[in-house]
Amino acid sequence: MLTRRDETWTQGTHINFRNMGKMNGSRGYQRKTNVYEVSAQADNFPLGRIAWYAHWRKYVFEPNSKCIFEESCLRDIAQFCEEETKAQKEDAKARKAAKA
């Protein structure tokens, strides 16, 4: 289960999600979507990141090497990706309608 603390922090069962904002992409361009850092609650150890994957048009989880996850963490990550993808698509649709 996810608990939204504020615009920056979301808490899962054993993990936290931190909104890092619209960071620069690998080629130096400004992203249109947010990047999220995923870390363990117990020690704030970085587990990976969630970022927009344009080819699939959704948010995906990119784990750090040698990290392992149990089912409740995987459910939290999947739920977070689904919710953020839905919000991003709604936001993009609203921006497109505002231009028209």
Protein backbone atom coordinates (compact mmCIF):
# COMPACT_ATOMS: atom_id res chain seq x y z
CA MET A 1 0.00 0.00 0.00
CA LEU A 2 1.30 3.45 -0.93
CA THR A 3 0.99 6.58 1.20
CA ARG A 4 1.58 9.93 -0.49
CA ARG A 5 3.38 12.16 2.04
CA ASP A 6 3.65 15.21 -0.25
CA GLU A 7 4.64 16.07 -3.83
CA THR A 8 8.15 14.72 -3.23
CA TRP A 9 7.77 11.64 -1.01
CA THR A 10 5.67 8.47 -1.29
CA GLN A 11 5.98 5.67 1.25
CA GLY A 12 5.44 1.99 0.46
CA THR A 13 5.48 -1.02 2.77
CA HIS A 14 9.28 -1.25 3.00
CA ILE A 15 10.44 1.30 0.40
CA ASN A 16 10.26 5.03 -0.30
CA PHE A 17 9.84 6.88 -3.58
CA ARG A 18 11.37 10.34 -3.95
CA ASN A 19 10.45 12.67 -6.81
CA MET A 20 13.70 13.99 -8.25
CA GLY A 21 11.90 16.27 -10.71
CA LYS A 22 12.45 16.63 -14.42
CA MET A 23 16.16 15.86 -14.50
CA ASN A 24 18.24 16.25 -17.65
CA GLY A 25 18.26 13.26 -19.96
CA SER A 26 21.31 11.31 -21.09
CA ARG A 27 21.83 13.62 -24.05
CA GLY A 28 21.52 16.80 -21.99
CA TYR A 29 17.92 17.66 -22.92
CA GLN A 30 15.31 18.64 -20.33
CA ARG A 31 12.90 15.78 -19.61
CA LYS A 32 9.14 16.23 -19.85
CA THR A 33 8.53 13.65 -17.14
CA ASN A 34 9.69 13.15 -13.57
CA VAL A 35 12.35 10.72 -12.37
CA TYR A 36 11.88 8.94 -9.02
CA GLU A 37 14.51 7.48 -6.71
CA VAL A 38 13.53 4.23 -4.97
CA SER A 39 15.18 3.49 -1.62
CA ALA A 40 14.82 1.16 1.36
CA GLN A 41 13.01 2.62 4.37
CA ALA A 42 15.27 0.99 6.94
CA ASP A 43 18.58 2.50 5.82
CA ASN A 44 17.72 4.69 2.81
CA PHE A 45 19.80 2.37 0.59
CA PRO A 46 19.22 3.22 -3.11
CA LEU A 47 17.40 0.36 -4.85
CA GLY A 48 16.89 1.88 -8.28
CA ARG A 49 14.90 4.51 -10.11
CA ILE A 50 11.60 4.91 -11.89
CA ALA A 51 11.65 6.85 -15.15
CA TRP A 52 9.51 7.33 -18.23
CA TYR A 53 10.25 4.84 -21.02
CA ALA A 54 9.11 6.48 -24.25
CA HIS A 55 8.97 3.30 -26.34
CA TRP A 56 6.37 1.77 -24.01
CA ARG A 57 4.80 5.15 -23.11
CA LYS A 58 4.88 4.36 -19.39
CA TYR A 59 7.00 4.55 -16.28
CA VAL A 60 9.38 1.63 -15.67
CA PHE A 61 11.55 0.52 -12.75
CA GLU A 62 15.30 0.32 -13.33
CA PRO A 63 16.81 -1.61 -10.38
CA ASN A 64 20.37 -1.15 -9.20
CA SER A 65 22.58 -4.22 -9.60
CA LYS A 66 22.44 -6.98 -7.00
CA CYS A 67 19.24 -5.66 -5.38
CA ILE A 68 16.64 -8.22 -4.41
CA PHE A 69 12.94 -7.65 -3.75
CA GLU A 70 10.13 -9.52 -2.09
CA GLU A 71 6.51 -9.52 -3.27
CA SER A 72 5.18 -6.54 -1.28
CA CYS A 73 8.00 -4.30 -2.57
CA LEU A 74 7.35 -5.45 -6.13
CA ARG A 75 3.62 -4.72 -5.69
CA ASP A 76 4.41 -1.23 -4.37
CA ILE A 77 6.75 -0.56 -7.29
CA ALA A 78 4.17 -1.80 -9.82
CA GLN A 79 1.38 0.24 -8.21
CA PHE A 80 3.57 3.36 -8.19
CA CYS A 81 4.47 2.91 -11.87
CA GLU A 82 0.80 2.42 -12.80
CA GLU A 83 -0.37 5.48 -10.84
CA GLU A 84 2.36 7.75 -12.20
CA THR A 85 1.79 6.53 -15.77
CA LYS A 86 -1.92 7.29 -15.46
CA ALA A 87 -1.21 10.76 -14.01
CA GLN A 88 1.35 11.52 -16.75
CA LYS A 89 -1.03 10.51 -19.53
CA GLU A 90 -3.85 12.60 -18.04
CA ASP A 91 -1.50 15.58 -17.72
CA ALA A 92 -0.30 15.20 -21.32
CA LYS A 93 -3.90 14.97 -22.52
CA ALA A 94 -4.81 18.16 -20.61
CA ARG A 95 -1.80 20.01 -22.05
CA LYS A 96 -2.74 18.91 -25.55
CA ALA A 97 -6.36 20.06 -25.06
CA ALA A 98 -5.16 23.43 -23.75
CA LYS A 99 -3.13 23.99 -26.92
CA ALA A 100 -6.13 23.31 -29.15
